[in-house]
Amino acid sequence: MATLSLLRLHGIRMGSSRFFHVTQRLAAVNKSNLAKLRKQTGFSISNCKKALEMHNNDLTKAEQWLHAEAQAQGWAKASKLSGRVTTQGLVGVHIDGPVGALLEINCETDFVARNEQFKAIVAQAAKECALNAAICQQDTLKKEFISEEQLRDMVVSDGKTLADHLALAIGIIGENMSLPRAARLIAPNGVQLVGYSHPSPPDATQLLGKFGAILALKSPGTLTDVARQLCIHVIGMNPKAIGSLDDPKAPNSDEETLLVHQEFLTDPSKTVGEVLQEENIEVVDFIRFECGEHKNEE
């Protein structure tokens, strides 16, 4: 997760002049370097000035020091807030070719869950989770569930762990956060992955919401909008298994847990099984996350 790009994107101000403390003799600051460092990092002018003073206007060393101090303060803040309950949050969905990832990050309040900085962190973490998958030649779909401990230890593209990035986010935003779980689907040739999140604006470039789902589908032709509708159905109707048309139906249709026997959410006059036959689609597998549901299962 590129902390630098996130800070630059959102113009994050890393605290007041109390953020860093310096006791050594300071060098005069080159104004051009100060402007460059401020633009590159997004840190406050006072902190950029202090970093350049300490490192004799060396831009590289000043930037490295800024990030190290920010990370240290993030860990300190994370430790201080670690006992606070995290009941809110978001599910991020990311699909990159044959790999799809669902990842949940929890925070303390719905206010932070709607914060653009928090959304960017969830989206980037889901992307890193997908990129971290080990892809190899395989004939069957691979399904992986990733624990909190595994997520925290996951090394991402900048060489840091997700735990490092979460601690930095806690220091920036000021609320406790947790990484409870993630899951991945890794598809073989002939299987396509489709994802959806809810609620999700029509023009959303990132799939983030209180609910998320990824479906693995087989079809001889190009998938239509029905694939997206199937994702919406899985989120809304929460099937427990795919099932087959030969499996017995539940006595009450409202209590049906097999996907193929459920009334299709987009067109309740048909079952999902009937829609799949009409569209010549096979559901190979699916994953569905609801933010916070893991806490009810503990």
Protein backbone atom coordinates (compact mmCIF):
# COMPACT_ATOMS: atom_id res chain seq x y z
CA MET A 1 0.00 0.00 0.00
CA ALA A 2 1.64 3.22 -1.08
CA THR A 3 1.39 5.43 2.03
CA LEU A 4 3.01 8.28 0.12
CA SER A 5 0.32 8.26 -2.58
CA LEU A 6 -2.51 8.07 -0.03
CA LEU A 7 -1.11 11.03 1.92
CA ARG A 8 -0.66 13.04 -1.27
CA LEU A 9 -4.12 12.11 -2.55
CA HIS A 10 -5.96 13.30 0.51
CA GLY A 11 -3.68 16.15 1.60
CA ILE A 12 -3.34 14.71 5.07
CA ARG A 13 -1.84 17.05 7.66
CA MET A 14 0.23 15.07 10.10
CA GLY A 15 -0.46 17.01 13.28
CA SER A 16 0.89 20.20 14.79
CA SER A 17 4.40 21.32 15.60
CA ARG A 18 4.33 18.88 18.53
CA PHE A 19 4.48 16.02 16.02
CA PHE A 20 8.30 15.93 15.95
CA HIS A 21 10.82 17.09 18.58
CA VAL A 22 14.35 18.14 17.68
CA THR A 23 17.23 18.96 20.03
CA GLN A 24 20.20 19.12 17.62
CA ARG A 25 21.49 22.26 15.88
CA LEU A 26 19.35 22.93 12.79
CA ALA A 27 20.43 23.90 9.27
CA ALA A 28 18.84 26.71 7.26
CA VAL A 29 16.08 25.42 5.00
CA ASN A 30 16.21 25.72 1.23
CA LYS A 31 12.78 27.06 0.20
CA SER A 32 12.76 25.11 -3.07
CA ASN A 33 13.43 21.85 -1.23
CA LEU A 34 10.75 22.71 1.30
CA ALA A 35 8.17 23.15 -1.47
CA LYS A 36 9.25 19.88 -3.13
CA LEU A 37 9.11 17.90 0.12
CA ARG A 38 5.69 19.31 0.99
CA LYS A 39 4.37 18.38 -2.48
CA GLN A 40 5.90 14.89 -2.44
CA THR A 41 4.71 13.87 1.03
CA GLY A 42 1.66 15.93 1.97
CA PHE A 43 3.06 16.51 5.49
CA SER A 44 2.62 19.91 7.13
CA ILE A 45 5.05 22.70 6.25
CA SER A 46 6.37 22.84 9.81
CA ASN A 47 7.20 19.13 9.83
CA CYS A 48 8.81 19.27 6.37
CA LYS A 49 10.89 22.25 7.48
CA LYS A 50 12.01 20.41 10.61
CA ALA A 51 12.99 17.33 8.58
CA LEU A 52 15.09 19.40 6.15
CA GLU A 53 16.74 21.30 8.99
CA MET A 54 17.76 18.05 10.65
CA HIS A 55 19.13 16.50 7.45
CA ASN A 56 20.91 19.49 5.91
CA ASN A 57 18.34 19.88 3.10
CA ASP A 58 18.77 16.30 1.90
CA LEU A 59 15.34 15.55 0.37
CA THR A 60 15.67 11.76 0.42
CA LYS A 61 16.79 11.54 4.03
CA ALA A 62 14.20 14.11 5.12
CA GLU A 63 11.37 12.16 3.48
CA GLN A 64 12.57 8.87 5.00
CA TRP A 65 12.68 10.48 8.44
CA LEU A 66 9.20 11.95 8.06
CA HIS A 67 7.70 8.56 7.22
CA ALA A 68 9.61 6.80 10.02
CA GLU A 69 8.38 9.33 12.59
CA ALA A 70 4.82 9.12 11.25
CA GLN A 71 4.91 5.31 11.46
CA ALA A 72 6.27 5.38 15.01
CA GLN A 73 3.56 7.77 16.14
CA GLY A 74 0.98 5.63 14.37
CA TRP A 75 2.06 2.54 16.32
CA ALA A 76 1.98 4.52 19.58
CA LYS A 77 -1.54 5.71 18.82
CA ALA A 78 -2.63 2.21 17.78
CA SER A 79 -1.36 0.77 21.06
CA LYS A 80 -3.16 3.45 23.06
CA LEU A 81 -6.50 2.88 21.27
CA SER A 82 -6.28 -0.92 20.95
CA GLY A 83 -8.89 -1.61 23.64
CA ARG A 84 -11.65 0.36 21.94
CA VAL A 85 -14.46 -1.62 20.31
CA THR A 86 -14.67 -1.51 16.49
CA THR A 87 -18.27 -2.16 15.43
CA GLN A 88 -18.39 -0.17 12.18
CA GLY A 89 -16.40 -0.41 8.97
CA LEU A 90 -16.42 -1.39 5.31
CA VAL A 91 -15.94 -4.38 3.05
CA GLY A 92 -13.67 -3.86 0.06
CA VAL A 93 -13.94 -5.90 -3.16
CA HIS A 94 -11.10 -6.10 -5.67
CA ILE A 95 -10.82 -8.28 -8.77
CA ASP A 96 -7.63 -8.43 -10.80
CA GLY A 97 -7.84 -10.98 -13.62
CA PRO A 98 -8.15 -14.46 -12.12
CA VAL A 99 -7.93 -13.24 -8.51
CA GLY A 100 -10.74 -11.73 -6.46
CA ALA A 101 -10.40 -10.52 -2.87
CA LEU A 102 -12.88 -9.53 -0.18
CA LEU A 103 -11.43 -7.70 2.82
CA GLU A 104 -13.04 -6.12 5.88
CA ILE A 105 -11.65 -3.31 8.01
CA ASN A 106 -13.50 -2.22 11.13
CA CYS A 107 -13.45 1.15 12.88
CA GLU A 108 -15.22 2.68 15.87
CA THR A 109 -17.81 4.95 14.25
CA ASP A 110 -19.92 5.20 11.13
CA PHE A 111 -18.56 8.75 10.69
CA VAL A 112 -15.07 7.36 10.05
CA ALA A 113 -16.46 4.53 7.88
CA ARG A 114 -17.82 7.26 5.55
CA ASN A 115 -14.52 9.17 5.62
CA GLU A 116 -12.69 9.32 2.26
CA GLN A 117 -9.35 8.54 3.91
CA PHE A 118 -10.79 5.38 5.47
CA LYS A 119 -12.37 4.35 2.16
CA ALA A 120 -9.02 4.73 0.41
CA ILE A 121 -7.34 2.53 3.03
CA VAL A 122 -9.94 -0.25 2.65
CA ALA A 123 -9.77 -0.13 -1.16
CA GLN A 124 -5.96 -0.26 -1.18
CA ALA A 125 -5.86 -3.08 1.38
CA ALA A 126 -8.28 -5.17 -0.70
CA LYS A 127 -6.12 -4.55 -3.78
CA GLU A 128 -2.98 -5.59 -1.90
CA CYS A 129 -4.74 -8.74 -0.70
CA ALA A 130 -5.50 -9.69 -4.30
CA LEU A 131 -1.98 -8.88 -5.48
CA ASN A 132 -0.54 -11.00 -2.66
CA ALA A 133 -2.14 -14.19 -3.99
CA ALA A 134 0.13 -16.98 -5.22
CA ILE A 135 -1.05 -17.74 -8.77
CA CYS A 136 -0.11 -21.02 -10.38
CA GLN A 137 -1.48 -23.31 -13.06
CA GLN A 138 -4.55 -25.07 -11.70
CA ASP A 139 -7.60 -26.86 -13.00
CA THR A 140 -9.98 -26.03 -10.17
CA LEU A 141 -11.10 -22.89 -8.38
CA LYS A 142 -9.09 -22.07 -5.26
CA LYS A 143 -10.83 -20.54 -2.24
CA GLU A 144 -8.79 -19.03 0.59
CA PHE A 145 -9.89 -17.57 3.93
CA ILE A 146 -7.35 -15.29 5.61
CA SER A 147 -7.28 -14.69 9.36
CA GLU A 148 -6.59 -11.44 11.19
CA GLU A 149 -3.12 -12.63 12.17
CA GLN A 150 -2.28 -13.57 8.57
CA LEU A 151 -3.58 -10.22 7.31
CA ARG A 152 -1.55 -8.21 9.81
CA ASP A 153 1.62 -10.07 8.82
CA MET A 154 0.97 -9.74 5.06
CA VAL A 155 3.84 -7.91 3.33
CA VAL A 156 2.54 -5.56 0.64
CA SER A 157 4.03 -3.87 -2.40
CA ASP A 158 6.05 -1.23 -0.50
CA GLY A 159 7.70 -3.83 1.75
CA LYS A 160 5.69 -2.97 4.84
CA THR A 161 2.97 -5.10 6.42
CA LEU A 162 -0.74 -4.36 6.46
CA ALA A 163 -0.36 -3.94 10.24
CA ASP A 164 2.13 -1.11 9.62
CA HIS A 165 -0.30 0.64 7.29
CA LEU A 166 -3.20 0.16 9.68
CA ALA A 167 -1.18 1.66 12.53
CA LEU A 168 -0.32 4.67 10.38
CA ALA A 169 -4.02 5.08 9.48
CA ILE A 170 -4.96 4.94 13.16
CA GLY A 171 -2.43 7.67 13.88
CA ILE A 172 -3.83 9.83 11.08
CA ILE A 173 -7.55 9.33 11.67
CA GLY A 174 -7.52 8.89 15.44
CA GLU A 175 -9.79 5.87 15.83
CA ASN A 176 -9.02 2.26 16.61
CA MET A 177 -9.23 -0.06 13.59
CA SER A 178 -9.00 -3.80 13.05
CA LEU A 179 -8.39 -6.20 10.16
CA PRO A 180 -10.65 -9.12 11.10
CA ARG A 181 -10.70 -11.17 7.90
CA ALA A 182 -10.34 -11.51 4.16
CA ALA A 183 -11.00 -14.13 1.51
CA ARG A 184 -9.77 -14.84 -2.01
CA LEU A 185 -10.96 -16.71 -5.06
CA ILE A 186 -8.32 -17.74 -7.60
CA ALA A 187 -9.92 -18.85 -10.85
CA PRO A 188 -8.59 -21.32 -13.42
CA ASN A 189 -9.02 -20.85 -17.17
CA GLY A 190 -12.67 -20.81 -18.20
CA VAL A 191 -13.94 -19.34 -14.92
CA GLN A 192 -14.73 -15.63 -14.63
CA LEU A 193 -14.98 -13.59 -11.41
CA VAL A 194 -17.63 -10.93 -10.85
CA GLY A 195 -17.83 -8.68 -7.79
CA TYR A 196 -20.26 -6.23 -6.24
CA SER A 197 -20.62 -4.15 -3.07
CA HIS A 198 -23.66 -2.59 -1.43
CA PRO A 199 -24.41 0.23 -1.05
CA SER A 200 -22.43 1.24 -4.10
CA PRO A 201 -22.95 4.39 -6.25
CA PRO A 202 -23.56 3.65 -9.97
CA ASP A 203 -20.38 5.49 -10.98
CA ALA A 204 -18.18 4.06 -8.20
CA THR A 205 -14.61 3.27 -9.27
CA GLN A 206 -14.00 1.29 -6.07
CA LEU A 207 -16.20 -1.49 -4.72
CA LEU A 208 -16.79 -0.58 -1.06
CA GLY A 209 -19.82 -1.09 1.14
CA LYS A 210 -21.37 -2.77 4.16
CA PHE A 211 -21.79 -5.90 2.01
CA GLY A 212 -19.58 -7.46 -0.63
CA ALA A 213 -19.72 -10.56 -2.83
CA ILE A 214 -17.62 -12.28 -5.47
CA LEU A 215 -19.04 -14.99 -7.75
CA ALA A 216 -17.07 -17.44 -9.86
CA LEU A 217 -19.03 -18.17 -13.05
CA LYS A 218 -18.72 -20.39 -16.10
CA SER A 219 -20.34 -19.44 -19.39
CA PRO A 220 -19.58 -20.29 -23.02
CA GLY A 221 -20.39 -16.71 -24.06
CA THR A 222 -19.79 -13.19 -22.80
CA LEU A 223 -21.31 -12.50 -19.40
CA THR A 224 -24.20 -10.03 -19.41
CA ASP A 225 -25.60 -7.81 -16.67
CA VAL A 226 -27.20 -10.93 -15.22
CA ALA A 227 -23.79 -11.69 -13.66
CA ARG A 228 -23.96 -8.45 -11.69
CA GLN A 229 -27.59 -9.18 -10.77
CA LEU A 230 -26.49 -12.55 -9.40
CA CYS A 231 -23.98 -10.75 -7.14
CA ILE A 232 -26.74 -8.45 -5.93
CA HIS A 233 -28.93 -11.49 -5.28
CA VAL A 234 -26.24 -13.20 -3.19
CA ILE A 235 -25.81 -10.05 -1.11
CA GLY A 236 -29.55 -9.57 -0.63
CA MET A 237 -30.72 -13.16 -0.14
CA ASN A 238 -27.66 -14.61 1.62
CA PRO A 239 -27.76 -18.21 0.29
CA LYS A 240 -25.78 -20.74 2.31
CA ALA A 241 -24.90 -23.02 -0.64
CA ILE A 242 -25.37 -23.24 -4.41
CA GLY A 243 -27.29 -26.53 -4.45
CA SER A 244 -28.58 -28.39 -7.50
CA LEU A 245 -31.97 -28.58 -9.17
CA ASP A 246 -32.33 -32.13 -7.78
CA ASP A 247 -32.00 -30.96 -4.17
CA PRO A 248 -35.29 -30.70 -2.21
CA LYS A 249 -36.75 -27.22 -1.80
CA ALA A 250 -37.51 -25.64 1.54
CA PRO A 251 -41.24 -25.88 2.49
CA ASN A 252 -41.35 -22.09 2.79
CA SER A 253 -39.74 -20.18 -0.09
CA ASP A 254 -38.84 -17.31 2.27
CA GLU A 255 -36.64 -19.73 4.21
CA GLU A 256 -34.87 -21.19 1.18
CA THR A 257 -31.08 -21.28 1.66
CA LEU A 258 -30.04 -23.00 -1.59
CA LEU A 259 -29.17 -20.46 -4.28
CA VAL A 260 -30.71 -22.36 -7.20
CA HIS A 261 -34.13 -22.62 -5.49
CA GLN A 262 -34.34 -19.02 -4.29
CA GLU A 263 -36.63 -16.55 -6.08
CA PHE A 264 -34.43 -14.35 -8.24
CA LEU A 265 -34.20 -10.95 -6.59
CA THR A 266 -34.38 -9.04 -9.88
CA ASP A 267 -37.35 -11.10 -11.16
CA PRO A 268 -39.14 -13.07 -8.41
CA SER A 269 -41.30 -14.85 -11.02
CA LYS A 270 -38.25 -17.04 -11.73
CA THR A 271 -35.89 -19.00 -9.54
CA VAL A 272 -32.15 -18.46 -9.76
CA GLY A 273 -31.85 -21.97 -11.20
CA GLU A 274 -34.19 -21.06 -14.05
CA VAL A 275 -32.22 -17.87 -14.76
CA LEU A 276 -28.97 -19.82 -14.83
CA GLN A 277 -30.43 -22.26 -17.36
CA GLU A 278 -31.77 -19.45 -19.55
CA GLU A 279 -28.43 -17.61 -19.51
CA ASN A 280 -26.31 -20.77 -19.80
CA ILE A 281 -24.37 -19.82 -16.67
CA GLU A 282 -22.94 -22.07 -13.99
CA VAL A 283 -22.16 -20.73 -10.52
CA VAL A 284 -18.96 -22.49 -9.47
CA ASP A 285 -18.66 -20.83 -6.06
CA PHE A 286 -19.19 -17.56 -4.24
CA ILE A 287 -18.06 -15.59 -1.19
CA ARG A 288 -20.24 -13.09 0.67
CA PHE A 289 -19.18 -10.72 3.47
CA GLU A 290 -21.40 -8.59 5.66
CA CYS A 291 -19.55 -6.02 7.73
CA GLY A 292 -19.53 -7.09 11.39
CA GLU A 293 -21.15 -10.51 10.90
CA HIS A 294 -18.02 -12.29 12.14
CA LYS A 295 -18.55 -10.68 15.56
CA ASN A 296 -21.97 -12.38 15.81
CA GLU A 297 -20.35 -15.73 15.05
CA GLU A 298 -17.74 -15.45 17.78
